[in-house]
Amino acid sequence: MAIDFRARVEVGVKTLSSFILKGGERKDALIEGWTSIKNIKDPHVTEITEFAVDEHNTQLKGSLKLEEVVKGETQVISGINYKLVLQAKDGTADNSYEAVVWEKAWLKFRKLTSFTLVKG
C-alpha cells in the first residue's frame, strides 16, 4: 500500500537525521541500503512497474507487455529507488528484466534509471 512506502520514507528520514545528529557514528542507517518489498502486488508497485515498461518502450520504440512483477526492493535516497524484477512479453518472447525507477512522490517525479535483460 502507498502508506507503507510513505512510512518507509519517514523512517529513512528519521534514521538519516539520527545518523547526522550523532556525528555519523551509526552504522545501521537505512539510507543507501536495499529492503525487500513484502507485497509486490501492491498497486503502487504495479504502477511503478508499468511506468518502467512504458518508459522503456517509449525510449526504445519497443512493444514489451508487462506480465508480472517477480520481486522488488526499495532504497531510500533523495526519494525512493525501486529495483524490480519483472516478466514481460515482446511478441512471443517471454523474458525477465530488471528495472530501476527513481521516484520523488512529493514532486510527482519518476525516472527510469536502468532497464536490463536478466540472463539465465
PDB file of N, CA and C in Angstrom:
ATOM      1  N   MET A   1       0.830  -1.174   0.000  1.00  0.00           N
ATOM      2  CA  MET A   1       0.000   0.000   0.000  1.00  0.00           C
ATOM      3  C   MET A   1       0.876   1.238   0.000  1.00  0.00           C
ATOM      4  N   ALA A   2       0.386   2.287  -0.555  1.00  0.00           N
ATOM      5  CA  ALA A   2       1.135   3.540  -0.637  1.00  0.00           C
ATOM      6  C   ALA A   2       1.550   4.032   0.734  1.00  0.00           C
ATOM      7  N   ILE A   3       0.734   3.808   1.745  1.00  0.00           N
ATOM      8  CA  ILE A   3       1.065   4.265   3.091  1.00  0.00           C
ATOM      9  C   ILE A   3       2.353   3.600   3.565  1.00  0.00           C
ATOM     10  N   ASP A   4       2.533   2.327   3.261  1.00  0.00           N
ATOM     11  CA  ASP A   4       3.742   1.628   3.662  1.00  0.00           C
ATOM     12  C   ASP A   4       4.983   2.300   3.088  1.00  0.00           C
ATOM     13  N   PHE A   5       4.920   2.753   1.843  1.00  0.00           N
ATOM     14  CA  PHE A   5       6.057   3.388   1.214  1.00  0.00           C
ATOM     15  C   PHE A   5       6.321   4.757   1.834  1.00  0.00           C
ATOM     16  N   ARG A   6       5.250   5.512   2.126  1.00  0.00           N
ATOM     17  CA  ARG A   6       5.432   6.811   2.786  1.00  0.00           C
ATOM     18  C   ARG A   6       6.034   6.609   4.167  1.00  0.00           C
ATOM     19  N   ALA A   7       5.568   5.599   4.874  1.00  0.00           N
ATOM     20  CA  ALA A   7       6.106   5.307   6.201  1.00  0.00           C
ATOM     21  C   ALA A   7       7.584   4.959   6.099  1.00  0.00           C
ATOM     22  N   ARG A   8       7.961   4.218   5.051  1.00  0.00           N
ATOM     23  CA  ARG A   8       9.364   3.846   4.876  1.00  0.00           C
ATOM     24  C   ARG A   8      10.218   5.086   4.634  1.00  0.00           C
ATOM     25  N   VAL A   9       9.691   6.050   3.887  1.00  0.00           N
ATOM     26  CA  VAL A   9      10.419   7.295   3.644  1.00  0.00           C
ATOM     27  C   VAL A   9      10.591   8.043   4.952  1.00  0.00           C
ATOM     28  N   GLU A  10       9.517   8.107   5.761  1.00  0.00           N
ATOM     29  CA  GLU A  10       9.613   8.799   7.040  1.00  0.00           C
ATOM     30  C   GLU A  10      10.640   8.134   7.944  1.00  0.00           C
ATOM     31  N   VAL A  11      10.659   6.805   7.979  1.00  0.00           N
ATOM     32  CA  VAL A  11      11.648   6.087   8.779  1.00  0.00           C
ATOM     33  C   VAL A  11      13.049   6.388   8.278  1.00  0.00           C
ATOM     34  N   GLY A  12      13.222   6.407   6.954  1.00  0.00           N
ATOM     35  CA  GLY A  12      14.533   6.706   6.374  1.00  0.00           C
ATOM     36  C   GLY A  12      15.002   8.095   6.724  1.00  0.00           C
ATOM     37  N   VAL A  13      14.100   9.062   6.683  1.00  0.00           N
ATOM     38  CA  VAL A  13      14.465  10.438   7.020  1.00  0.00           C
ATOM     39  C   VAL A  13      14.818  10.531   8.485  1.00  0.00           C
ATOM     40  N   LYS A  14      14.029   9.878   9.362  1.00  0.00           N
ATOM     41  CA  LYS A  14      14.337   9.889  10.794  1.00  0.00           C
ATOM     42  C   LYS A  14      15.677   9.220  11.066  1.00  0.00           C
ATOM     43  N   THR A  15      15.942   8.114  10.382  1.00  0.00           N
ATOM     44  CA  THR A  15      17.209   7.420  10.562  1.00  0.00           C
ATOM     45  C   THR A  15      18.365   8.288  10.087  1.00  0.00           C
ATOM     46  N   LEU A  16      18.208   8.935   8.946  1.00  0.00           N
ATOM     47  CA  LEU A  16      19.247   9.828   8.447  1.00  0.00           C
ATOM     48  C   LEU A  16      19.473  10.969   9.423  1.00  0.00           C
ATOM     49  N   SER A  17      18.382  11.547   9.958  1.00  0.00           N
ATOM     50  CA  SER A  17      18.512  12.632  10.926  1.00  0.00           C
ATOM     51  C   SER A  17      19.275  12.166  12.148  1.00  0.00           C
ATOM     52  N   SER A  18      18.939  10.983  12.629  1.00  0.00           N
ATOM     53  CA  SER A  18      19.627  10.426  13.795  1.00  0.00           C
ATOM     54  C   SER A  18      21.095  10.209  13.480  1.00  0.00           C
ATOM     55  N   PHE A  19      21.383   9.709  12.294  1.00  0.00           N
ATOM     56  CA  PHE A  19      22.760   9.463  11.857  1.00  0.00           C
ATOM     57  C   PHE A  19      23.554  10.766  11.844  1.00  0.00           C
ATOM     58  N   ILE A  20      22.958  11.821  11.301  1.00  0.00           N
ATOM     59  CA  ILE A  20      23.637  13.109  11.216  1.00  0.00           C
ATOM     60  C   ILE A  20      23.828  13.706  12.610  1.00  0.00           C
ATOM     61  N   LEU A  21      22.787  13.630  13.456  1.00  0.00           N
ATOM     62  CA  LEU A  21      22.855  14.209  14.786  1.00  0.00           C
ATOM     63  C   LEU A  21      23.899  13.535  15.664  1.00  0.00           C
ATOM     64  N   LYS A  22      24.183  12.287  15.421  1.00  0.00           N
ATOM     65  CA  LYS A  22      25.176  11.566  16.210  1.00  0.00           C
ATOM     66  C   LYS A  22      26.558  11.619  15.562  1.00  0.00           C
ATOM     67  N   GLY A  23      26.757  12.543  14.670  1.00  0.00           N
ATOM     68  CA  GLY A  23      28.076  12.708  14.066  1.00  0.00           C
ATOM     69  C   GLY A  23      28.461  11.599  13.109  1.00  0.00           C
ATOM     70  N   GLY A  24      27.491  10.913  12.557  1.00  0.00           N
ATOM     71  CA  GLY A  24      27.799   9.871  11.578  1.00  0.00           C
ATOM     72  C   GLY A  24      28.302   8.592  12.199  1.00  0.00           C
ATOM     73  N   GLU A  25      28.079   8.400  13.496  1.00  0.00           N
ATOM     74  CA  GLU A  25      28.592   7.210  14.168  1.00  0.00           C
ATOM     75  C   GLU A  25      27.747   5.970  13.943  1.00  0.00           C
ATOM     76  N   ARG A  26      26.471   6.143  13.619  1.00  0.00           N
ATOM     77  CA  ARG A  26      25.595   4.984  13.453  1.00  0.00           C
ATOM     78  C   ARG A  26      25.962   4.201  12.210  1.00  0.00           C
ATOM     79  N   LYS A  27      25.953   2.899  12.343  1.00  0.00           N
ATOM     80  CA  LYS A  27      26.270   2.013  11.219  1.00  0.00           C
ATOM     81  C   LYS A  27      25.024   1.369  10.635  1.00  0.00           C
ATOM     82  N   ASP A  28      23.872   1.550  11.304  1.00  0.00           N
ATOM     83  CA  ASP A  28      22.667   0.851  10.863  1.00  0.00           C
ATOM     84  C   ASP A  28      21.693   1.749  10.119  1.00  0.00           C
ATOM     85  N   ALA A  29      22.166   2.841   9.558  1.00  0.00           N
ATOM     86  CA  ALA A  29      21.287   3.759   8.838  1.00  0.00           C
ATOM     87  C   ALA A  29      20.669   3.053   7.639  1.00  0.00           C
ATOM     88  N   LEU A  30      19.388   3.344   7.398  1.00  0.00           N
ATOM     89  CA  LEU A  30      18.684   2.726   6.278  1.00  0.00           C
ATOM     90  C   LEU A  30      19.048   3.348   4.942  1.00  0.00           C
ATOM     91  N   ILE A  31      19.591   4.549   4.966  1.00  0.00           N
ATOM     92  CA  ILE A  31      19.912   5.247   3.733  1.00  0.00           C
ATOM     93  C   ILE A  31      20.925   4.420   2.951  1.00  0.00           C
ATOM     94  N   GLU A  32      20.680   4.253   1.681  1.00  0.00           N
ATOM     95  CA  GLU A  32      21.518   3.544   0.721  1.00  0.00           C
ATOM     96  C   GLU A  32      21.407   2.030   0.782  1.00  0.00           C
ATOM     97  N   GLY A  33      20.707   1.457   1.775  1.00  0.00           N
ATOM     98  CA  GLY A  33      20.520   0.014   1.820  1.00  0.00           C
ATOM     99  C   GLY A  33      19.260  -0.376   1.075  1.00  0.00           C
ATOM    100  N   TRP A  34      19.229  -1.587   0.553  1.00  0.00           N
ATOM    101  CA  TRP A  34      18.053  -2.086  -0.170  1.00  0.00           C
ATOM    102  C   TRP A  34      17.215  -2.942   0.772  1.00  0.00           C
ATOM    103  N   THR A  35      15.893  -2.772   0.686  1.00  0.00           N
ATOM    104  CA  THR A  35      14.950  -3.514   1.504  1.00  0.00           C
ATOM    105  C   THR A  35      13.951  -4.216   0.584  1.00  0.00           C
ATOM    106  N   SER A  36      13.702  -5.493   0.851  1.00  0.00           N
ATOM    107  CA  SER A  36      12.749  -6.252   0.030  1.00  0.00           C
ATOM    108  C   SER A  36      11.346  -5.662   0.147  1.00  0.00           C
ATOM    109  N   ILE A  37      10.646  -5.652  -0.969  1.00  0.00           N
ATOM    110  CA  ILE A  37       9.246  -5.245  -0.972  1.00  0.00           C
ATOM    111  C   ILE A  37       8.438  -6.470  -0.567  1.00  0.00           C
ATOM    112  N   LYS A  38       7.717  -6.358   0.527  1.00  0.00           N
ATOM    113  CA  LYS A  38       6.968  -7.501   1.045  1.00  0.00           C
ATOM    114  C   LYS A  38       5.750  -7.839   0.196  1.00  0.00           C
ATOM    115  N   ASN A  39       5.076  -6.828  -0.333  1.00  0.00           N
ATOM    116  CA  ASN A  39       3.863  -7.065  -1.124  1.00  0.00           C
ATOM    117  C   ASN A  39       4.080  -6.555  -2.553  1.00  0.00           C
ATOM    118  N   ILE A  40       4.563  -7.421  -3.428  1.00  0.00           N
ATOM    119  CA  ILE A  40       4.825  -6.996  -4.805  1.00  0.00           C
ATOM    120  C   ILE A  40       3.542  -6.798  -5.608  1.00  0.00           C
ATOM    121  N   LYS A  41       2.407  -7.182  -5.035  1.00  0.00           N
ATOM    122  CA  LYS A  41       1.116  -6.958  -5.705  1.00  0.00           C
ATOM    123  C   LYS A  41       0.492  -5.628  -5.280  1.00  0.00           C
ATOM    124  N   ASP A  42       1.200  -4.860  -4.474  1.00  0.00           N
ATOM    125  CA  ASP A  42       0.724  -3.543  -4.049  1.00  0.00           C
ATOM    126  C   ASP A  42       0.455  -2.686  -5.285  1.00  0.00           C
ATOM    127  N   PRO A  43      -0.664  -1.976  -5.334  1.00  0.00           N
ATOM    128  CA  PRO A  43      -0.983  -1.166  -6.513  1.00  0.00           C
ATOM    129  C   PRO A  43       0.095  -0.136  -6.868  1.00  0.00           C
ATOM    130  N   HIS A  44       0.781   0.416  -5.872  1.00  0.00           N
ATOM    131  CA  HIS A  44       1.828   1.390  -6.173  1.00  0.00           C
ATOM    132  C   HIS A  44       3.026   0.715  -6.843  1.00  0.00           C
ATOM    133  N   VAL A  45       3.363  -0.493  -6.407  1.00  0.00           N
ATOM    134  CA  VAL A  45       4.454  -1.245  -7.033  1.00  0.00           C
ATOM    135  C   VAL A  45       4.083  -1.558  -8.485  1.00  0.00           C
ATOM    136  N   THR A  46       2.848  -1.948  -8.712  1.00  0.00           N
ATOM    137  CA  THR A  46       2.379  -2.210 -10.078  1.00  0.00           C
ATOM    138  C   THR A  46       2.465  -0.945 -10.924  1.00  0.00           C
ATOM    139  N   GLU A  47       2.072   0.177 -10.363  1.00  0.00           N
ATOM    140  CA  GLU A  47       2.130   1.456 -11.076  1.00  0.00           C
ATOM    141  C   GLU A  47       3.567   1.822 -11.455  1.00  0.00           C
ATOM    142  N   ILE A  48       4.495   1.633 -10.535  1.00  0.00           N
ATOM    143  CA  ILE A  48       5.909   1.919 -10.808  1.00  0.00           C
ATOM    144  C   ILE A  48       6.430   0.988 -11.901  1.00  0.00           C
ATOM    145  N   THR A  49       6.043  -0.289 -11.838  1.00  0.00           N
ATOM    146  CA  THR A  49       6.495  -1.272 -12.830  1.00  0.00           C
ATOM    147  C   THR A  49       5.927  -0.947 -14.209  1.00  0.00           C
ATOM    148  N   GLU A  50       4.657  -0.597 -14.263  1.00  0.00           N
ATOM    149  CA  GLU A  50       4.047  -0.210 -15.542  1.00  0.00           C
ATOM    150  C   GLU A  50       4.735   1.032 -16.113  1.00  0.00           C
ATOM    151  N   PHE A  51       5.079   1.981 -15.242  1.00  0.00           N
ATOM    152  CA  PHE A  51       5.816   3.160 -15.689  1.00  0.00           C
ATOM    153  C   PHE A  51       7.145   2.736 -16.319  1.00  0.00           C
ATOM    154  N   ALA A  52       7.853   1.809 -15.669  1.00  0.00           N
ATOM    155  CA  ALA A  52       9.157   1.359 -16.179  1.00  0.00           C
ATOM    156  C   ALA A  52       9.030   0.750 -17.569  1.00  0.00           C
ATOM    157  N   VAL A  53       8.045  -0.125 -17.754  1.00  0.00           N
ATOM    158  CA  VAL A  53       7.856  -0.772 -19.052  1.00  0.00           C
ATOM    159  C   VAL A  53       7.441   0.260 -20.111  1.00  0.00           C
ATOM    160  N   ASP A  54       6.518   1.138 -19.756  1.00  0.00           N
ATOM    161  CA  ASP A  54       6.075   2.177 -20.701  1.00  0.00           C
ATOM    162  C   ASP A  54       7.228   3.093 -21.098  1.00  0.00           C
ATOM    163  N   GLU A  55       8.027   3.494 -20.125  1.00  0.00           N
ATOM    164  CA  GLU A  55       9.166   4.380 -20.401  1.00  0.00           C
ATOM    165  C   GLU A  55      10.204   3.677 -21.271  1.00  0.00           C
ATOM    166  N   HIS A  56      10.470   2.410 -20.973  1.00  0.00           N
ATOM    167  CA  HIS A  56      11.392   1.610 -21.792  1.00  0.00           C
ATOM    168  C   HIS A  56      10.882   1.537 -23.238  1.00  0.00           C
ATOM    169  N   ASN A  57       9.590   1.262 -23.397  1.00  0.00           N
ATOM    170  CA  ASN A  57       9.001   1.188 -24.739  1.00  0.00           C
ATOM    171  C   ASN A  57       9.115   2.527 -25.462  1.00  0.00           C
ATOM    172  N   THR A  58       8.891   3.621 -24.755  1.00  0.00           N
ATOM    173  CA  THR A  58       8.991   4.952 -25.358  1.00  0.00           C
ATOM    174  C   THR A  58      10.424   5.243 -25.802  1.00  0.00           C
ATOM    175  N   GLN A  59      11.383   4.944 -24.929  1.00  0.00           N
ATOM    176  CA  GLN A  59      12.787   5.243 -25.230  1.00  0.00           C
ATOM    177  C   GLN A  59      13.321   4.413 -26.392  1.00  0.00           C
ATOM    178  N   LEU A  60      12.915   3.155 -26.463  1.00  0.00           N
ATOM    179  CA  LEU A  60      13.466   2.250 -27.486  1.00  0.00           C
ATOM    180  C   LEU A  60      12.460   1.875 -28.566  1.00  0.00           C
ATOM    181  N   LYS A  61      11.327   2.559 -28.574  1.00  0.00           N
ATOM    182  CA  LYS A  61      10.255   2.242 -29.521  1.00  0.00           C
ATOM    183  C   LYS A  61       9.942   0.739 -29.497  1.00  0.00           C
ATOM    184  N   GLY A  62       9.877   0.223 -28.278  1.00  0.00           N
ATOM    185  CA  GLY A  62       9.625  -1.196 -28.072  1.00  0.00           C
ATOM    186  C   GLY A  62       8.142  -1.498 -27.924  1.00  0.00           C
ATOM    187  N   SER A  63       7.862  -2.774 -27.708  1.00  0.00           N
ATOM    188  CA  SER A  63       6.467  -3.199 -27.561  1.00  0.00           C
ATOM    189  C   SER A  63       6.320  -4.231 -26.442  1.00  0.00           C
ATOM    190  N   LEU A  64       7.113  -4.081 -25.381  1.00  0.00           N
ATOM    191  CA  LEU A  64       7.007  -5.009 -24.262  1.00  0.00           C
ATOM    192  C   LEU A  64       5.648  -4.872 -23.596  1.00  0.00           C
ATOM    193  N   LYS A  65       5.129  -6.003 -23.146  1.00  0.00           N
ATOM    194  CA  LYS A  65       3.874  -6.045 -22.393  1.00  0.00           C
ATOM    195  C   LYS A  65       4.174  -6.678 -21.039  1.00  0.00           C
ATOM    196  N   LEU A  66       3.870  -5.949 -19.980  1.00  0.00           N
ATOM    197  CA  LEU A  66       4.108  -6.448 -18.626  1.00  0.00           C
ATOM    198  C   LEU A  66       3.261  -7.682 -18.357  1.00  0.00           C
ATOM    199  N   GLU A  67       3.910  -8.740 -17.869  1.00  0.00           N
ATOM    200  CA  GLU A  67       3.212  -9.961 -17.473  1.00  0.00           C
ATOM    201  C   GLU A  67       3.016  -9.977 -15.953  1.00  0.00           C
ATOM    202  N   GLU A  68       4.117  -9.801 -15.200  1.00  0.00           N
ATOM    203  CA  GLU A  68       4.025  -9.805 -13.744  1.00  0.00           C
ATOM    204  C   GLU A  68       5.300  -9.235 -13.117  1.00  0.00           C
ATOM    205  N   VAL A  69       5.153  -8.793 -11.871  1.00  0.00           N
ATOM    206  CA  VAL A  69       6.301  -8.385 -11.060  1.00  0.00           C
ATOM    207  C   VAL A  69       6.739  -9.625 -10.296  1.00  0.00           C
ATOM    208  N   VAL A  70       8.011  -9.981 -10.417  1.00  0.00           N
ATOM    209  CA  VAL A  70       8.521 -11.188  -9.774  1.00  0.00           C
ATOM    210  C   VAL A  70       9.004 -10.888  -8.361  1.00  0.00           C
ATOM    211  N   LYS A  71       9.777  -9.820  -8.213  1.00  0.00           N
ATOM    212  CA  LYS A  71      10.272  -9.407  -6.896  1.00  0.00           C
ATOM    213  C   LYS A  71      10.731  -7.958  -6.991  1.00  0.00           C
ATOM    214  N   GLY A  72      10.966  -7.367  -5.836  1.00  0.00           N
ATOM    215  CA  GLY A  72      11.395  -5.980  -5.838  1.00  0.00           C
ATOM    216  C   GLY A  72      12.050  -5.574  -4.535  1.00  0.00           C
ATOM    217  N   GLU A  73      12.788  -4.485  -4.623  1.00  0.00           N
ATOM    218  CA  GLU A  73      13.449  -3.897  -3.465  1.00  0.00           C
ATOM    219  C   GLU A  73      13.326  -2.383  -3.558  1.00  0.00           C
ATOM    220  N   THR A  74      13.395  -1.735  -2.406  1.00  0.00           N
ATOM    221  CA  THR A  74      13.418  -0.279  -2.386  1.00  0.00           C
ATOM    222  C   THR A  74      14.673   0.203  -1.681  1.00  0.00           C
ATOM    223  N   GLN A  75      15.065   1.407  -2.030  1.00  0.00           N
ATOM    224  CA  GLN A  75      16.232   2.044  -1.443  1.00  0.00           C
ATOM    225  C   GLN A  75      15.852   3.499  -1.173  1.00  0.00           C
ATOM    226  N   VAL A  76      15.980   3.910   0.091  1.00  0.00           N
ATOM    227  CA  VAL A  76      15.677   5.292   0.446  1.00  0.00           C
ATOM    228  C   VAL A  76      16.881   6.149   0.107  1.00  0.00           C
ATOM    229  N   ILE A  77      16.662   7.118  -0.748  1.00  0.00           N
ATOM    230  CA  ILE A  77      17.694   8.084  -1.127  1.00  0.00           C
ATOM    231  C   ILE A  77      17.010   9.437  -1.066  1.00  0.00           C
ATOM    232  N   SER A  78      17.285  10.314  -1.983  1.00  0.00           N
ATOM    233  CA  SER A  78      16.502  11.539  -2.107  1.00  0.00           C
ATOM    234  C   SER A  78      15.251  11.144  -2.869  1.00  0.00           C
ATOM    235  N   GLY A  79      14.351  10.476  -2.173  1.00  0.00           N
ATOM    236  CA  GLY A  79      13.206   9.822  -2.769  1.00  0.00           C
ATOM    237  C   GLY A  79      13.366   8.329  -2.541  1.00  0.00           C
ATOM    238  N   ILE A  80      12.830   7.546  -3.439  1.00  0.00           N
ATOM    239  CA  ILE A  80      12.937   6.082  -3.334  1.00  0.00           C
ATOM    240  C   ILE A  80      13.348   5.508  -4.676  1.00  0.00           C
ATOM    241  N   ASN A  81      14.332   4.625  -4.651  1.00  0.00           N
ATOM    242  CA  ASN A  81      14.669   3.812  -5.812  1.00  0.00           C
ATOM    243  C   ASN A  81      13.892   2.513  -5.694  1.00  0.00           C
ATOM    244  N   TYR A  82      13.294   2.083  -6.775  1.00  0.00           N
ATOM    245  CA  TYR A  82      12.624   0.791  -6.849  1.00  0.00           C
ATOM    246  C   TYR A  82      13.415  -0.079  -7.812  1.00  0.00           C
ATOM    247  N   LYS A  83      13.925  -1.203  -7.316  1.00  0.00           N
ATOM    248  CA  LYS A  83      14.601  -2.180  -8.178  1.00  0.00           C
ATOM    249  C   LYS A  83      13.641  -3.353  -8.313  1.00  0.00           C
ATOM    250  N   LEU A  84      13.154  -3.557  -9.537  1.00  0.00           N
ATOM    251  CA  LEU A  84      12.095  -4.524  -9.770  1.00  0.00           C
ATOM    252  C   LEU A  84      12.510  -5.555 -10.809  1.00  0.00           C
ATOM    253  N   VAL A  85      12.262  -6.810 -10.513  1.00  0.00           N
ATOM    254  CA  VAL A  85      12.438  -7.873 -11.494  1.00  0.00           C
ATOM    255  C   VAL A  85      11.039  -8.193 -12.004  1.00  0.00           C
ATOM    256  N   LEU A  86      10.902  -8.172 -13.333  1.00  0.00           N
ATOM    257  CA  LEU A  86       9.580  -8.352 -13.930  1.00  0.00           C
ATOM    258  C   LEU A  86       9.653  -9.285 -15.117  1.00  0.00           C
ATOM    259  N   GLN A  87       8.519  -9.882 -15.421  1.00  0.00           N
ATOM    260  CA  GLN A  87       8.354 -10.695 -16.623  1.00  0.00           C
ATOM    261  C   GLN A  87       7.601  -9.846 -17.632  1.00  0.00           C
ATOM    262  N   ALA A  88       8.103  -9.812 -18.859  1.00  0.00           N
ATOM    263  CA  ALA A  88       7.424  -9.069 -19.919  1.00  0.00           C
ATOM    264  C   ALA A  88       7.525  -9.853 -21.217  1.00  0.00           C
ATOM    265  N   LYS A  89       6.545  -9.655 -22.052  1.00  0.00           N
ATOM    266  CA  LYS A  89       6.478 -10.343 -23.333  1.00  0.00           C
ATOM    267  C   LYS A  89       6.748  -9.349 -24.454  1.00  0.00           C
ATOM    268  N   ASP A  90       7.594  -9.764 -25.382  1.00  0.00           N
ATOM    269  CA  ASP A  90       7.879  -8.980 -26.576  1.00  0.00           C
ATOM    270  C   ASP A  90       7.501  -9.865 -27.755  1.00  0.00           C
ATOM    271  N   GLY A  91       6.285  -9.716 -28.238  1.00  0.00           N
ATOM    272  CA  GLY A  91       5.795 -10.639 -29.264  1.00  0.00           C
ATOM    273  C   GLY A  91       5.563 -11.990 -28.616  1.00  0.00           C
ATOM    274  N   THR A  92       6.325 -12.986 -29.066  1.00  0.00           N
ATOM    275  CA  THR A  92       6.183 -14.320 -28.488  1.00  0.00           C
ATOM    276  C   THR A  92       7.251 -14.614 -27.443  1.00  0.00           C
ATOM    277  N   ALA A  93       8.278 -13.771 -27.353  1.00  0.00           N
ATOM    278  CA  ALA A  93       9.367 -13.993 -26.392  1.00  0.00           C
ATOM    279  C   ALA A  93       8.968 -13.481 -25.014  1.00  0.00           C
ATOM    280  N   ASP A  94       9.104 -14.352 -24.017  1.00  0.00           N
ATOM    281  CA  ASP A  94       8.810 -14.003 -22.628  1.00  0.00           C
ATOM    282  C   ASP A  94      10.136 -13.943 -21.886  1.00  0.00           C
ATOM    283  N   ASN A  95      10.500 -12.762 -21.369  1.00  0.00           N
ATOM    284  CA  ASN A  95      11.798 -12.578 -20.727  1.00  0.00           C
ATOM    285  C   ASN A  95      11.663 -11.911 -19.368  1.00  0.00           C
ATOM    286  N   SER A  96      12.741 -12.041 -18.570  1.00  0.00           N
ATOM    287  CA  SER A  96      12.837 -11.338 -17.295  1.00  0.00           C
ATOM    288  C   SER A  96      13.706 -10.108 -17.482  1.00  0.00           C
ATOM    289  N   TYR A  97      13.326  -9.029 -16.813  1.00  0.00           N
ATOM    290  CA  TYR A  97      14.063  -7.771 -16.873  1.00  0.00           C
ATOM    291  C   TYR A  97      14.210  -7.222 -15.465  1.00  0.00           C
ATOM    292  N   GLU A  98      15.268  -6.446 -15.270  1.00  0.00           N
ATOM    293  CA  GLU A  98      15.417  -5.696 -14.029  1.00  0.00           C
ATOM    294  C   GLU A  98      15.305  -4.222 -14.370  1.00  0.00           C
ATOM    295  N   ALA A  99      14.393  -3.546 -13.700  1.00  0.00           N
ATOM    296  CA  ALA A  99      14.186  -2.115 -13.911  1.00  0.00           C
ATOM    297  C   ALA A  99      14.449  -1.384 -12.609  1.00  0.00           C
ATOM    298  N   VAL A 100      15.088  -0.217 -12.712  1.00  0.00           N
ATOM    299  CA  VAL A 100      15.268   0.650 -11.551  1.00  0.00           C
ATOM    300  C   VAL A 100      14.587   1.976 -11.864  1.00  0.00           C
ATOM    301  N   VAL A 101      13.672   2.355 -10.984  1.00  0.00           N
ATOM    302  CA  VAL A 101      12.935   3.613 -11.129  1.00  0.00           C
ATOM    303  C   VAL A 101      13.197   4.463  -9.892  1.00  0.00           C
ATOM    304  N   TRP A 102      13.544   5.714 -10.121  1.00  0.00           N
ATOM    305  CA  TRP A 102      13.749   6.683  -9.040  1.00  0.00           C
ATOM    306  C   TRP A 102      12.485   7.522  -8.937  1.00  0.00           C
ATOM    307  N   GLU A 103      11.912   7.573  -7.743  1.00  0.00           N
ATOM    308  CA  GLU A 103      10.683   8.337  -7.542  1.00  0.00           C
ATOM    309  C   GLU A 103      10.826   9.322  -6.397  1.00  0.00           C
ATOM    310  N   LYS A 104      10.349  10.539  -6.641  1.00  0.00           N
ATOM    311  CA  LYS A 104      10.168  11.552  -5.601  1.00  0.00           C
ATOM    312  C   LYS A 104       8.679  11.877  -5.629  1.00  0.00           C
ATOM    313  N   ALA A 105       7.904  11.121  -4.850  1.00  0.00           N
ATOM    314  CA  ALA A 105       6.440  11.212  -4.912  1.00  0.00           C
ATOM    315  C   ALA A 105       5.932  12.618  -4.612  1.00  0.00           C
ATOM    316  N   TRP A 106       6.573  13.306  -3.679  1.00  0.00           N
ATOM    317  CA  TRP A 106       6.112  14.647  -3.303  1.00  0.00           C
ATOM    318  C   TRP A 106       6.308  15.664  -4.425  1.00  0.00           C
ATOM    319  N   LEU A 107       7.156  15.356  -5.392  1.00  0.00           N
ATOM    320  CA  LEU A 107       7.369  16.227  -6.555  1.00  0.00           C
ATOM    321  C   LEU A 107       6.686  15.673  -7.809  1.00  0.00           C
ATOM    322  N   LYS A 108       6.008  14.521  -7.660  1.00  0.00           N
ATOM    323  CA  LYS A 108       5.416  13.822  -8.809  1.00  0.00           C
ATOM    324  C   LYS A 108       6.473  13.553  -9.887  1.00  0.00           C
ATOM    325  N   PHE A 109       7.655  13.102  -9.437  1.00  0.00           N
ATOM    326  CA  PHE A 109       8.810  12.858 -10.303  1.00  0.00           C
ATOM    327  C   PHE A 109       9.105  11.374 -10.340  1.00  0.00           C
ATOM    328  N   ARG A 110       9.307  10.860 -11.543  1.00  0.00           N
ATOM    329  CA  ARG A 110       9.761   9.473 -11.750  1.00  0.00           C
ATOM    330  C   ARG A 110      10.752   9.462 -12.898  1.00  0.00           C
ATOM    331  N   LYS A 111      11.770   8.622 -12.746  1.00  0.00           N
ATOM    332  CA  LYS A 111      12.754   8.480 -13.820  1.00  0.00           C
ATOM    333  C   LYS A 111      13.200   7.024 -13.880  1.00  0.00           C
ATOM    334  N   LEU A 112      13.166   6.465 -15.078  1.00  0.00           N
ATOM    335  CA  LEU A 112      13.705   5.126 -15.307  1.00  0.00           C
ATOM    336  C   LEU A 112      15.211   5.262 -15.408  1.00  0.00           C
ATOM    337  N   THR A 113      15.934   4.689 -14.448  1.00  0.00           N
ATOM    338  CA  THR A 113      17.394   4.833 -14.469  1.00  0.00           C
ATOM    339  C   THR A 113      18.102   3.641 -15.095  1.00  0.00           C
ATOM    340  N   SER A 114      17.437   2.483 -15.134  1.00  0.00           N
ATOM    341  CA  SER A 114      18.005   1.345 -15.861  1.00  0.00           C
ATOM    342  C   SER A 114      16.911   0.334 -16.171  1.00  0.00           C
ATOM    343  N   PHE A 115      17.133  -0.400 -17.252  1.00  0.00           N
ATOM    344  CA  PHE A 115      16.194  -1.447 -17.677  1.00  0.00           C
ATOM    345  C   PHE A 115      17.020  -2.465 -18.441  1.00  0.00           C
ATOM    346  N   THR A 116      17.274  -3.614 -17.815  1.00  0.00           N
ATOM    347  CA  THR A 116      18.179  -4.595 -18.421  1.00  0.00           C
ATOM    348  C   THR A 116      17.552  -5.984 -18.463  1.00  0.00           C
ATOM    349  N   LEU A 117      17.929  -6.732 -19.473  1.00  0.00           N
ATOM    350  CA  LEU A 117      17.518  -8.126 -19.607  1.00  0.00           C
ATOM    351  C   LEU A 117      18.239  -8.941 -18.548  1.00  0.00           C
ATOM    352  N   VAL A 118      17.500  -9.787 -17.832  1.00  0.00           N
ATOM    353  CA  VAL A 118      18.098 -10.677 -16.853  1.00  0.00           C
ATOM    354  C   VAL A 118      18.395 -11.983 -17.574  1.00  0.00           C
ATOM    355  N   LYS A 119      19.661 -12.352 -17.612  1.00  0.00           N
ATOM    356  CA  LYS A 119      20.056 -13.560 -18.343  1.00  0.00           C
ATOM    357  C   LYS A 119      20.014 -14.790 -17.434  1.00  0.00           C
ATOM    358  N   GLY A 120      19.608 -15.905 -18.050  1.00  0.00           N
ATOM    359  CA  GLY A 120      19.639 -17.203 -17.400  1.00  0.00           C
ATOM    360  C   GLY A 120      18.776 -17.301 -16.240  1.00  0.00           C
TER     361      GLY A 120
END
